Amino acid sequence: MATSIGGVSLTAATPANINTAGGSGGTFNVNMLNTAATAAVVQLGVSSTSATFEAALKLVEALTIQPDESATYDGITCDGTDVYIVGQSDTTGVVMVAMGYDV
């Protein structure tokens, strides 16, 4: 197993890859921090396509994170097909970081 960390500062209403698992998958924890001055509504999921949400693999649809607050999702498992961890926010200023292990 190899450790993996990846992160992104999100642009409003634009899906982005937070991290990409290895070819055999992996397990990750995702931290979401709102650095904006207003509340942010975020989405989180795994996908087989870069920076794209797939309805059946969406983990979070509309979580509100207040300014200077964070939320964490643990134990997100990617298989060898669904290797992208994807995030999105309705406002600029949300930082998402995925840390974990590639299998």
N, C-alpha and C. Protein backbone atom coordinates (compact mmCIF):
# COMPACT_ATOMS: atom_id res chain seq x y z
N MET A 1 0.84 -1.19 0.00
CA MET A 1 0.00 0.00 0.00
C MET A 1 0.88 1.24 0.00
N ALA A 2 0.45 2.21 -0.77
CA ALA A 2 1.16 3.49 -0.82
C ALA A 2 0.25 4.58 -0.28
N THR A 3 0.81 5.51 0.48
CA THR A 3 0.01 6.63 0.96
C THR A 3 -0.26 7.59 -0.17
N SER A 4 -1.37 8.31 -0.05
CA SER A 4 -1.76 9.25 -1.09
C SER A 4 -2.46 10.44 -0.46
N ILE A 5 -2.12 11.64 -0.91
CA ILE A 5 -2.81 12.85 -0.47
C ILE A 5 -2.99 13.75 -1.69
N GLY A 6 -4.15 14.34 -1.78
CA GLY A 6 -4.44 15.26 -2.86
C GLY A 6 -5.46 16.27 -2.38
N GLY A 7 -5.44 17.44 -2.95
CA GLY A 7 -6.38 18.46 -2.54
C GLY A 7 -6.65 19.47 -3.62
N VAL A 8 -7.72 20.24 -3.43
CA VAL A 8 -8.10 21.24 -4.40
C VAL A 8 -8.87 22.36 -3.70
N SER A 9 -8.65 23.58 -4.17
CA SER A 9 -9.46 24.73 -3.77
C SER A 9 -10.52 24.89 -4.85
N LEU A 10 -11.77 24.70 -4.48
CA LEU A 10 -12.84 24.62 -5.46
C LEU A 10 -13.26 25.98 -6.02
N THR A 11 -13.63 25.99 -7.28
CA THR A 11 -14.26 27.12 -7.95
C THR A 11 -15.76 26.87 -7.93
N ALA A 12 -16.55 27.90 -7.72
CA ALA A 12 -17.99 27.74 -7.59
C ALA A 12 -18.61 26.95 -8.73
N ALA A 13 -19.45 25.98 -8.36
CA ALA A 13 -20.27 25.20 -9.30
C ALA A 13 -19.48 24.44 -10.35
N THR A 14 -18.24 24.06 -10.01
CA THR A 14 -17.40 23.32 -10.95
C THR A 14 -16.88 22.04 -10.29
N PRO A 15 -17.32 20.86 -10.74
CA PRO A 15 -16.79 19.62 -10.16
C PRO A 15 -15.28 19.52 -10.39
N ALA A 16 -14.58 18.98 -9.39
CA ALA A 16 -13.13 18.84 -9.50
C ALA A 16 -12.68 17.55 -8.82
N ASN A 17 -11.60 16.97 -9.34
CA ASN A 17 -11.01 15.80 -8.69
C ASN A 17 -10.26 16.25 -7.44
N ILE A 18 -10.55 15.59 -6.34
CA ILE A 18 -9.84 15.87 -5.09
C ILE A 18 -8.59 15.00 -5.02
N ASN A 19 -8.74 13.75 -5.43
CA ASN A 19 -7.62 12.81 -5.46
C ASN A 19 -8.02 11.68 -6.41
N THR A 20 -7.03 10.91 -6.84
CA THR A 20 -7.28 9.78 -7.71
C THR A 20 -6.63 8.54 -7.10
N ALA A 21 -7.42 7.48 -6.93
CA ALA A 21 -6.91 6.24 -6.38
C ALA A 21 -6.07 5.51 -7.43
N GLY A 22 -5.25 4.59 -6.98
CA GLY A 22 -4.46 3.77 -7.89
C GLY A 22 -5.33 2.81 -8.68
N GLY A 23 -4.75 2.10 -9.60
CA GLY A 23 -5.47 1.19 -10.48
C GLY A 23 -6.21 0.07 -9.79
N SER A 24 -5.83 -0.24 -8.55
CA SER A 24 -6.54 -1.26 -7.79
C SER A 24 -7.46 -0.66 -6.74
N GLY A 25 -7.56 0.66 -6.72
CA GLY A 25 -8.44 1.33 -5.77
C GLY A 25 -7.71 1.79 -4.52
N GLY A 26 -8.49 2.12 -3.49
CA GLY A 26 -7.91 2.59 -2.24
C GLY A 26 -8.98 3.06 -1.29
N THR A 27 -8.56 3.46 -0.10
CA THR A 27 -9.47 3.96 0.93
C THR A 27 -8.98 5.32 1.39
N PHE A 28 -9.91 6.29 1.50
CA PHE A 28 -9.54 7.67 1.76
C PHE A 28 -10.46 8.33 2.78
N ASN A 29 -9.94 9.34 3.44
CA ASN A 29 -10.71 10.26 4.27
C ASN A 29 -10.69 11.61 3.57
N VAL A 30 -11.81 12.31 3.56
CA VAL A 30 -11.89 13.62 2.91
C VAL A 30 -12.27 14.67 3.93
N ASN A 31 -11.46 15.73 3.99
CA ASN A 31 -11.76 16.89 4.83
C ASN A 31 -12.20 18.03 3.93
N MET A 32 -13.28 18.70 4.31
CA MET A 32 -13.82 19.82 3.54
C MET A 32 -13.83 21.05 4.45
N LEU A 33 -13.12 22.10 4.07
CA LEU A 33 -12.99 23.32 4.87
C LEU A 33 -13.55 24.50 4.08
N ASN A 34 -14.46 25.24 4.70
CA ASN A 34 -15.02 26.43 4.06
C ASN A 34 -14.25 27.65 4.52
N THR A 35 -13.45 28.23 3.61
CA THR A 35 -12.69 29.45 3.92
C THR A 35 -13.42 30.70 3.45
N ALA A 36 -14.60 30.54 2.85
CA ALA A 36 -15.37 31.68 2.34
C ALA A 36 -16.06 32.41 3.49
N ALA A 37 -16.54 33.61 3.21
CA ALA A 37 -17.23 34.43 4.21
C ALA A 37 -18.71 34.06 4.35
N THR A 38 -19.21 33.19 3.45
CA THR A 38 -20.60 32.76 3.49
C THR A 38 -20.67 31.24 3.57
N ALA A 39 -21.84 30.73 3.94
CA ALA A 39 -22.04 29.28 3.99
C ALA A 39 -21.88 28.69 2.59
N ALA A 40 -21.40 27.46 2.54
CA ALA A 40 -21.20 26.75 1.28
C ALA A 40 -21.98 25.44 1.30
N VAL A 41 -22.56 25.09 0.17
CA VAL A 41 -23.25 23.81 0.01
C VAL A 41 -22.35 22.95 -0.88
N VAL A 42 -21.96 21.77 -0.36
CA VAL A 42 -20.99 20.93 -1.07
C VAL A 42 -21.59 19.60 -1.48
N GLN A 43 -20.94 19.00 -2.48
CA GLN A 43 -21.23 17.65 -2.94
C GLN A 43 -19.95 16.85 -2.94
N LEU A 44 -20.07 15.53 -2.76
CA LEU A 44 -18.92 14.65 -2.72
C LEU A 44 -19.32 13.30 -3.30
N GLY A 45 -18.42 12.69 -4.09
CA GLY A 45 -18.72 11.38 -4.64
C GLY A 45 -17.48 10.72 -5.22
N VAL A 46 -17.66 9.51 -5.71
CA VAL A 46 -16.60 8.80 -6.44
C VAL A 46 -17.11 8.58 -7.85
N SER A 47 -16.19 8.44 -8.79
CA SER A 47 -16.59 8.36 -10.19
C SER A 47 -15.57 7.59 -11.01
N SER A 48 -16.02 7.05 -12.12
CA SER A 48 -15.12 6.42 -13.07
C SER A 48 -14.65 7.43 -14.13
N THR A 49 -15.25 8.62 -14.11
CA THR A 49 -14.93 9.67 -15.08
C THR A 49 -14.41 10.90 -14.35
N SER A 50 -13.32 11.44 -14.83
CA SER A 50 -12.67 12.59 -14.20
C SER A 50 -13.62 13.77 -14.05
N ALA A 51 -13.65 14.35 -12.83
CA ALA A 51 -14.41 15.57 -12.52
C ALA A 51 -15.88 15.50 -12.93
N THR A 52 -16.49 14.34 -12.74
CA THR A 52 -17.89 14.11 -13.11
C THR A 52 -18.60 13.36 -11.99
N PHE A 53 -19.80 13.79 -11.65
CA PHE A 53 -20.59 13.06 -10.66
C PHE A 53 -21.43 11.99 -11.35
N GLU A 54 -21.52 10.83 -10.71
CA GLU A 54 -22.40 9.75 -11.15
C GLU A 54 -23.42 9.57 -10.04
N ALA A 55 -24.70 9.67 -10.38
CA ALA A 55 -25.77 9.68 -9.38
C ALA A 55 -25.69 8.52 -8.39
N ALA A 56 -25.40 7.33 -8.87
CA ALA A 56 -25.39 6.15 -8.00
C ALA A 56 -24.18 6.12 -7.06
N LEU A 57 -23.18 6.96 -7.33
CA LEU A 57 -21.96 6.94 -6.52
C LEU A 57 -21.76 8.23 -5.74
N LYS A 58 -22.80 9.05 -5.65
CA LYS A 58 -22.71 10.30 -4.91
C LYS A 58 -22.83 10.01 -3.41
N LEU A 59 -21.93 10.54 -2.62
CA LEU A 59 -21.92 10.32 -1.17
C LEU A 59 -22.61 11.45 -0.42
N VAL A 60 -22.47 12.67 -0.92
CA VAL A 60 -23.07 13.85 -0.29
C VAL A 60 -23.73 14.67 -1.39
N GLU A 61 -25.00 15.03 -1.19
CA GLU A 61 -25.72 15.80 -2.20
C GLU A 61 -25.75 17.29 -1.87
N ALA A 62 -26.02 17.66 -0.62
CA ALA A 62 -26.18 19.08 -0.28
C ALA A 62 -25.86 19.32 1.19
N LEU A 63 -24.60 19.21 1.54
CA LEU A 63 -24.16 19.46 2.91
C LEU A 63 -23.77 20.93 3.05
N THR A 64 -24.36 21.63 4.01
CA THR A 64 -24.02 23.03 4.24
C THR A 64 -22.90 23.12 5.26
N ILE A 65 -21.85 23.83 4.89
CA ILE A 65 -20.71 24.07 5.78
C ILE A 65 -20.62 25.58 6.02
N GLN A 66 -20.68 25.97 7.26
CA GLN A 66 -20.62 27.39 7.62
C GLN A 66 -19.21 27.95 7.43
N PRO A 67 -19.06 29.29 7.36
CA PRO A 67 -17.73 29.89 7.22
C PRO A 67 -16.79 29.43 8.33
N ASP A 68 -15.54 29.15 7.97
CA ASP A 68 -14.50 28.71 8.90
C ASP A 68 -14.82 27.40 9.62
N GLU A 69 -15.71 26.60 9.06
CA GLU A 69 -16.05 25.30 9.62
C GLU A 69 -15.61 24.22 8.65
N SER A 70 -15.55 22.99 9.14
CA SER A 70 -15.15 21.87 8.28
C SER A 70 -16.01 20.65 8.56
N ALA A 71 -15.96 19.72 7.64
CA ALA A 71 -16.63 18.42 7.78
C ALA A 71 -15.68 17.37 7.23
N THR A 72 -15.75 16.17 7.79
CA THR A 72 -14.88 15.08 7.37
C THR A 72 -15.71 13.83 7.07
N TYR A 73 -15.37 13.16 5.98
CA TYR A 73 -15.94 11.86 5.64
C TYR A 73 -14.81 10.84 5.63
N ASP A 74 -14.98 9.79 6.42
CA ASP A 74 -13.95 8.76 6.57
C ASP A 74 -14.35 7.47 5.86
N GLY A 75 -13.33 6.74 5.43
CA GLY A 75 -13.55 5.40 4.88
C GLY A 75 -14.16 5.36 3.51
N ILE A 76 -13.88 6.35 2.66
CA ILE A 76 -14.38 6.33 1.29
C ILE A 76 -13.54 5.33 0.50
N THR A 77 -14.19 4.32 -0.05
CA THR A 77 -13.48 3.26 -0.75
C THR A 77 -13.69 3.37 -2.25
N CYS A 78 -12.59 3.38 -2.97
CA CYS A 78 -12.62 3.38 -4.44
C CYS A 78 -12.18 2.01 -4.92
N ASP A 79 -12.85 1.50 -5.94
CA ASP A 79 -12.39 0.24 -6.53
C ASP A 79 -11.50 0.57 -7.72
N GLY A 80 -11.12 -0.40 -8.50
CA GLY A 80 -10.23 -0.17 -9.62
C GLY A 80 -10.86 0.55 -10.79
N THR A 81 -12.19 0.69 -10.77
CA THR A 81 -12.91 1.39 -11.84
C THR A 81 -13.27 2.81 -11.44
N ASP A 82 -13.86 2.95 -10.26
CA ASP A 82 -14.29 4.26 -9.76
C ASP A 82 -13.16 4.85 -8.93
N VAL A 83 -12.19 5.47 -9.61
CA VAL A 83 -10.94 5.88 -8.95
C VAL A 83 -10.88 7.37 -8.63
N TYR A 84 -11.82 8.16 -9.13
CA TYR A 84 -11.79 9.61 -8.89
C TYR A 84 -12.65 9.97 -7.68
N ILE A 85 -12.10 10.76 -6.76
CA ILE A 85 -12.88 11.34 -5.67
C ILE A 85 -13.18 12.77 -6.12
N VAL A 86 -14.48 13.08 -6.25
CA VAL A 86 -14.92 14.32 -6.87
C VAL A 86 -15.66 15.19 -5.85
N GLY A 87 -15.35 16.49 -5.86
CA GLY A 87 -16.04 17.44 -4.99
C GLY A 87 -16.54 18.63 -5.77
N GLN A 88 -17.52 19.32 -5.18
CA GLN A 88 -18.05 20.54 -5.78
C GLN A 88 -18.67 21.39 -4.68
N SER A 89 -18.65 22.70 -4.86
CA SER A 89 -19.24 23.64 -3.93
C SER A 89 -20.02 24.69 -4.71
N ASP A 90 -21.03 25.27 -4.07
CA ASP A 90 -21.78 26.33 -4.74
C ASP A 90 -21.08 27.69 -4.64
N THR A 91 -19.98 27.74 -3.90
CA THR A 91 -19.24 28.98 -3.75
C THR A 91 -17.74 28.72 -3.81
N THR A 92 -16.98 29.69 -4.27
CA THR A 92 -15.52 29.59 -4.27
C THR A 92 -15.03 29.75 -2.84
N GLY A 93 -13.99 29.03 -2.48
CA GLY A 93 -13.41 29.17 -1.15
C GLY A 93 -13.49 27.93 -0.30
N VAL A 94 -13.95 26.82 -0.87
CA VAL A 94 -13.97 25.55 -0.15
C VAL A 94 -12.75 24.75 -0.58
N VAL A 95 -12.01 24.25 0.40
CA VAL A 95 -10.84 23.42 0.16
C VAL A 95 -11.18 21.99 0.56
N MET A 96 -10.94 21.04 -0.33
CA MET A 96 -11.15 19.63 -0.02
C MET A 96 -9.82 18.90 -0.15
N VAL A 97 -9.52 18.04 0.83
CA VAL A 97 -8.29 17.27 0.85
C VAL A 97 -8.66 15.81 1.09
N ALA A 98 -8.15 14.91 0.26
CA ALA A 98 -8.37 13.47 0.42
C ALA A 98 -7.03 12.81 0.75
N MET A 99 -7.02 12.10 1.88
CA MET A 99 -5.81 11.40 2.35
C MET A 99 -6.15 9.94 2.56
N GLY A 100 -5.22 9.06 2.17
CA GLY A 100 -5.49 7.65 2.40
C GLY A 100 -4.42 6.77 1.81
N TYR A 101 -4.86 5.55 1.40
CA TYR A 101 -3.95 4.54 0.91
C TYR A 101 -4.44 3.96 -0.41
N ASP A 102 -3.55 3.88 -1.39
CA ASP A 102 -3.83 3.12 -2.59
C ASP A 102 -3.57 1.65 -2.29
N VAL A 103 -4.39 0.77 -2.85
CA VAL A 103 -4.20 -0.66 -2.63
C VAL A 103 -3.08 -1.16 -3.50
